[in-house]
């Protein structure tokens, strides 16, 4: 009987030692993953192809050109930031990356999300804040729009919401967009340097749609914009008074 008791005690001791051995000591335990601050979780996730004001916030923080479009240069800068801070170098800006960038930047991006253009009046947006007045309706030969003169890369925003009914290069080499609403009213935008939406895309009022350029009009960087209430089937309406009303809040010293 005593022998059996000794054997049972020995087995209990072996099991206890094994259990202790299986338990991780403090130095072996996996380090707890730091919690992402709540402020960073409110900022939008950005990746290649994203556009809008939150991208510009990110680009300014990364000290790359603030175009409002998340392209290869921005992705490279994001990956470098992630590598330098021991984050997985995905090139996608999520809550952890915003946390590295800091509270002020993350909150600015969160506030800018869904806030596209800088000036808004009755649901419409100023298409380009930084510009000078150019030719209007009837100037020159068959000029059907209003020209906003500016610098290459100036952000261009959609005046009204609608669907992109045409996107790309036209015969004269100009990079253009047509955006048509549900009632058939259309805004035509021309001479982009870059466009960020394609045919069939739905665009919100104030959304970043491209940047100002001189395609089709070498040396004259500007946005040519037309308002056509019945699309191409009807005449153009003078866009100048509409645009100037929408842009009245912009710096008047930049327009003449």
Protein backbone atom coordinates (compact mmCIF):
# COMPACT_ATOMS: atom_id res chain seq x y z
CA UNK A 1 0.00 0.00 0.00
CA UNK A 2 2.81 2.40 0.93
CA UNK A 3 4.49 1.65 -2.40
CA UNK A 4 1.32 2.57 -4.29
CA UNK A 5 1.05 5.85 -2.37
CA UNK A 6 4.64 6.71 -3.22
CA UNK A 7 4.07 5.95 -6.91
CA UNK A 8 0.91 8.14 -6.98
CA UNK A 9 2.74 11.00 -5.30
CA UNK A 10 5.54 10.72 -7.81
CA UNK A 11 3.14 10.86 -10.74
CA UNK A 12 1.44 13.97 -9.31
CA UNK A 13 4.82 15.64 -8.94
CA UNK A 14 5.77 14.84 -12.53
CA UNK A 15 2.48 16.24 -13.87
CA UNK A 16 2.89 19.40 -11.79
CA UNK A 17 6.43 19.94 -13.00
CA UNK A 18 5.30 19.43 -16.62
CA UNK A 19 2.50 21.94 -16.20
CA UNK A 20 4.88 24.49 -14.74
CA UNK A 21 7.30 23.92 -17.60
CA UNK A 22 4.54 24.55 -20.14
CA UNK A 23 3.61 27.89 -18.57
CA UNK A 24 5.48 30.81 -20.15
CA UNK A 25 7.57 32.89 -17.81
CA UNK A 26 7.47 36.68 -18.12
CA UNK A 27 10.49 36.78 -20.43
CA UNK A 28 8.94 34.18 -22.78
CA UNK A 29 5.43 35.65 -23.07
CA UNK A 30 4.61 37.36 -26.39
CA UNK A 31 4.60 41.15 -25.97
CA UNK A 32 1.15 42.67 -25.92
CA UNK A 33 0.34 44.57 -29.10
CA UNK A 34 -0.06 48.26 -28.26
CA UNK A 35 -3.59 49.54 -28.60
CA UNK A 36 -4.22 51.98 -31.42
CA UNK A 37 -5.35 55.33 -30.00
CA UNK A 38 -9.05 56.01 -30.54
CA UNK A 39 -8.32 59.24 -32.41
CA UNK A 40 -6.47 57.31 -35.14
CA UNK A 41 -9.35 54.90 -35.70
CA UNK A 42 -11.52 57.79 -36.92
CA UNK A 43 -9.25 58.67 -39.84
CA UNK A 44 -10.11 57.15 -43.26
CA UNK A 45 -8.19 54.19 -44.66
CA UNK A 46 -6.21 55.32 -47.69
CA UNK A 47 -4.42 53.32 -50.37
CA UNK A 48 -3.32 53.53 -54.00
CA UNK A 49 -6.09 55.16 -56.02
CA UNK A 50 -7.63 57.08 -53.10
CA UNK A 51 -8.25 60.76 -53.72
CA UNK A 52 -9.59 63.79 -51.98
CA UNK A 53 -8.68 66.11 -49.15
CA UNK A 54 -7.65 63.35 -46.68
CA UNK A 55 -4.96 62.31 -49.19
CA UNK A 56 -3.67 65.87 -49.29
CA UNK A 57 -3.48 65.87 -45.47
CA UNK A 58 -1.43 62.67 -45.64
CA UNK A 59 0.83 64.00 -48.40
CA UNK A 60 1.59 67.19 -46.52
CA UNK A 61 2.53 65.14 -43.46
CA UNK A 62 4.80 62.93 -45.58
CA UNK A 63 6.29 66.00 -47.27
CA UNK A 64 5.45 64.86 -50.79
CA UNK A 65 3.57 66.90 -53.38
CA UNK A 66 -0.01 67.41 -52.18
CA UNK A 67 -1.97 66.50 -55.33
CA UNK A 68 -4.90 64.85 -53.55
CA UNK A 69 -4.26 61.60 -55.43
CA UNK A 70 -2.65 58.57 -53.78
CA UNK A 71 -0.17 57.43 -56.42
CA UNK A 72 3.19 55.60 -56.47
CA UNK A 73 5.19 58.44 -54.87
CA UNK A 74 2.80 58.61 -51.93
CA UNK A 75 2.82 54.83 -51.52
CA UNK A 76 6.62 54.72 -51.40
CA UNK A 77 6.62 57.41 -48.70
CA UNK A 78 4.01 55.48 -46.70
CA UNK A 79 6.01 52.23 -46.92
CA UNK A 80 9.16 54.00 -45.73
CA UNK A 81 7.27 55.46 -42.77
CA UNK A 82 5.84 52.05 -41.87
CA UNK A 83 9.25 50.35 -42.08
CA UNK A 84 10.85 53.04 -39.92
CA UNK A 85 8.21 52.45 -37.23
CA UNK A 86 8.18 48.62 -37.28
CA UNK A 87 4.78 48.40 -38.96
CA UNK A 88 3.93 45.94 -41.71
CA UNK A 89 4.92 47.80 -44.93
CA UNK A 90 1.60 47.39 -46.74
CA UNK A 91 1.46 50.88 -48.23
CA UNK A 92 -2.08 51.14 -46.85
CA UNK A 93 -2.73 53.93 -44.36
CA UNK A 94 -4.87 52.51 -41.58
CA UNK A 95 -5.30 53.35 -37.90
CA UNK A 96 -1.78 52.22 -36.91
CA UNK A 97 -0.14 54.43 -39.54
CA UNK A 98 -2.31 57.40 -38.58
CA UNK A 99 -1.25 56.83 -34.97
CA UNK A 100 2.41 57.11 -36.02
CA UNK A 101 1.65 60.33 -37.90
CA UNK A 102 0.10 61.78 -34.76
CA UNK A 103 -3.12 63.00 -33.22
CA UNK A 104 -3.33 66.35 -35.01
CA UNK A 105 -2.79 64.88 -38.49
CA UNK A 106 -5.18 61.96 -37.93
CA UNK A 107 -7.91 64.29 -36.72
CA UNK A 108 -7.37 66.64 -39.65
CA UNK A 109 -7.75 63.70 -42.04
CA UNK A 110 -10.88 62.51 -40.25
CA UNK A 111 -12.40 65.99 -40.44
CA UNK A 112 -11.51 66.25 -44.14
CA UNK A 113 -13.10 62.92 -45.03
CA UNK A 114 -16.13 63.53 -47.27
CA UNK A 115 -15.21 67.25 -47.30
CA UNK A 116 -13.98 67.76 -50.81
CA UNK A 117 -13.91 71.25 -52.28
CA UNK A 118 -12.99 74.31 -50.25
CA UNK A 119 -16.02 76.48 -51.06
CA UNK A 120 -19.63 75.27 -51.12
CA UNK A 121 -22.84 77.18 -51.87
CA UNK A 122 -26.28 75.51 -51.81
CA UNK A 123 -24.82 72.06 -52.43
CA UNK A 124 -22.56 73.16 -55.29
CA UNK A 125 -18.81 73.61 -55.13
CA UNK A 126 -16.25 76.01 -56.53
CA UNK A 127 -14.33 73.99 -59.15
CA UNK A 128 -10.90 75.54 -58.49
CA UNK A 129 -10.17 77.95 -55.67
CA UNK A 130 -6.81 79.19 -56.92
CA UNK A 131 -7.39 80.81 -60.32
CA UNK A 132 -7.63 84.01 -62.38
CA UNK A 133 -10.50 84.84 -64.69
CA UNK A 134 -9.95 84.05 -68.36
CA UNK A 135 -12.13 84.09 -71.46
CA UNK A 136 -15.87 83.71 -71.07
CA UNK A 137 -18.77 82.65 -73.27
CA UNK A 138 -18.44 84.03 -76.81
CA UNK A 139 -14.80 85.07 -76.55
CA UNK A 140 -12.76 84.19 -79.61
CA UNK A 141 -14.21 81.72 -82.11
CA UNK A 142 -17.09 79.67 -80.76
CA UNK A 143 -15.92 79.75 -77.12
CA UNK A 144 -18.76 78.14 -75.18
CA UNK A 145 -17.36 78.14 -71.66
CA UNK A 146 -15.42 79.99 -69.00
CA UNK A 147 -11.64 79.68 -68.57
CA UNK A 148 -10.08 79.54 -65.11
CA UNK A 149 -6.37 80.33 -65.42
CA UNK A 150 -4.03 78.78 -62.88
CA UNK A 151 -1.01 76.60 -62.27
CA UNK A 152 -0.38 73.00 -63.22
CA UNK A 153 -1.57 70.61 -60.53
CA UNK A 154 -4.26 72.90 -59.08
CA UNK A 155 -7.03 70.60 -57.75
CA UNK A 156 -10.24 70.54 -59.79
CA UNK A 157 -13.53 69.68 -58.05
CA UNK A 158 -16.94 68.67 -59.41
CA UNK A 159 -19.43 71.54 -59.28
CA UNK A 160 -22.42 69.19 -59.11
CA UNK A 161 -22.98 65.50 -58.47
CA UNK A 162 -23.57 63.19 -61.41
CA UNK A 163 -22.21 60.37 -63.52
CA UNK A 164 -19.14 60.59 -65.73
CA UNK A 165 -20.50 60.31 -69.27
CA UNK A 166 -17.19 60.95 -71.04
CA UNK A 167 -13.59 60.74 -69.87
CA UNK A 168 -10.30 60.85 -71.72
CA UNK A 169 -8.60 62.63 -74.61
CA UNK A 170 -10.59 64.35 -77.34
CA UNK A 171 -9.47 65.13 -80.87
CA UNK A 172 -7.44 68.23 -80.03
CA UNK A 173 -5.45 66.38 -77.38
CA UNK A 174 -7.29 67.89 -74.40
CA UNK A 175 -7.94 65.62 -71.42
CA UNK A 176 -11.62 66.11 -70.62
CA UNK A 177 -14.60 65.02 -68.50
CA UNK A 178 -18.37 65.28 -68.93
CA UNK A 179 -20.38 64.88 -65.71
CA UNK A 180 -24.14 64.62 -66.20
CA UNK A 181 -26.81 64.65 -63.47
CA UNK A 182 -30.06 62.66 -63.38
CA UNK A 183 -31.97 65.45 -65.14
CA UNK A 184 -29.54 65.54 -68.03
CA UNK A 185 -27.74 68.76 -67.07
CA UNK A 186 -24.04 68.47 -67.82
CA UNK A 187 -20.80 70.15 -66.80
CA UNK A 188 -17.90 69.84 -69.22
CA UNK A 189 -14.34 70.17 -67.85
CA UNK A 190 -11.33 70.44 -70.15
CA UNK A 191 -7.51 70.67 -70.33
CA UNK A 192 -6.76 68.52 -67.26
CA UNK A 193 -3.23 67.49 -66.43
CA UNK A 194 -4.61 64.36 -64.73
CA UNK A 195 -8.10 62.97 -64.17
CA UNK A 196 -9.07 60.71 -61.30
CA UNK A 197 -12.46 59.37 -62.44
CA UNK A 198 -13.55 57.36 -65.46
CA UNK A 199 -16.62 56.89 -67.60
CA UNK A 200 -19.50 55.42 -65.61
CA UNK A 201 -18.18 56.57 -62.23
CA UNK A 202 -20.58 58.33 -59.88
CA UNK A 203 -19.19 61.64 -58.63
CA UNK A 204 -20.29 63.63 -55.60
CA UNK A 205 -20.52 67.42 -55.63
CA UNK A 206 -17.16 68.80 -54.55
CA UNK A 207 -15.26 65.57 -55.23
CA UNK A 208 -11.71 65.90 -56.51
CA UNK A 209 -11.86 64.89 -60.18
CA UNK A 210 -8.45 65.92 -61.50
CA UNK A 211 -5.75 68.55 -61.66
CA UNK A 212 -5.39 71.60 -63.89
CA UNK A 213 -3.15 71.37 -66.95
CA UNK A 214 -2.72 72.50 -70.53
CA UNK A 215 -3.46 69.37 -72.55
CA UNK A 216 -4.73 70.38 -75.97
CA UNK A 217 -3.66 73.97 -75.31
CA UNK A 218 0.14 74.06 -74.84
CA UNK A 219 1.44 76.79 -72.57
CA UNK A 220 -1.98 77.95 -71.34
CA UNK A 221 -2.61 76.13 -68.06
CA UNK A 222 -6.30 76.48 -67.27
CA UNK A 223 -9.63 74.78 -66.71
CA UNK A 224 -12.20 75.25 -69.48
CA UNK A 225 -15.63 74.66 -67.98
CA UNK A 226 -19.03 74.62 -69.70
CA UNK A 227 -22.56 74.32 -68.34
CA UNK A 228 -25.02 72.61 -70.68
CA UNK A 229 -28.50 72.21 -69.09
CA UNK A 230 -29.59 69.76 -71.82
CA UNK A 231 -26.25 68.10 -72.38
CA UNK A 232 -24.75 68.23 -75.85
CA UNK A 233 -28.22 68.35 -77.40
CA UNK A 234 -28.75 71.96 -76.29
CA UNK A 235 -26.84 75.25 -76.13
CA UNK A 236 -24.37 76.21 -73.43
CA UNK A 237 -25.41 78.43 -70.55
CA UNK A 238 -22.95 81.12 -69.46
CA UNK A 239 -20.95 79.35 -66.72
CA UNK A 240 -19.05 82.46 -65.61
CA UNK A 241 -21.65 83.97 -63.21
CA UNK A 242 -22.38 80.56 -61.71
CA UNK A 243 -18.71 79.79 -61.09
CA UNK A 244 -17.91 83.24 -59.70
CA UNK A 245 -20.84 83.03 -57.29
CA UNK A 246 -19.68 79.61 -56.08
CA UNK A 247 -16.10 80.82 -55.71
CA UNK A 248 -16.96 84.11 -54.00
CA UNK A 249 -15.36 82.89 -50.78
CA UNK A 250 -11.98 82.34 -52.43
CA UNK A 251 -9.18 84.85 -52.09
CA UNK A 252 -10.25 87.72 -54.35
CA UNK A 253 -6.65 88.73 -54.89
CA UNK A 254 -6.14 85.54 -56.87
CA UNK A 255 -8.84 86.47 -59.40
CA UNK A 256 -9.13 89.53 -61.60
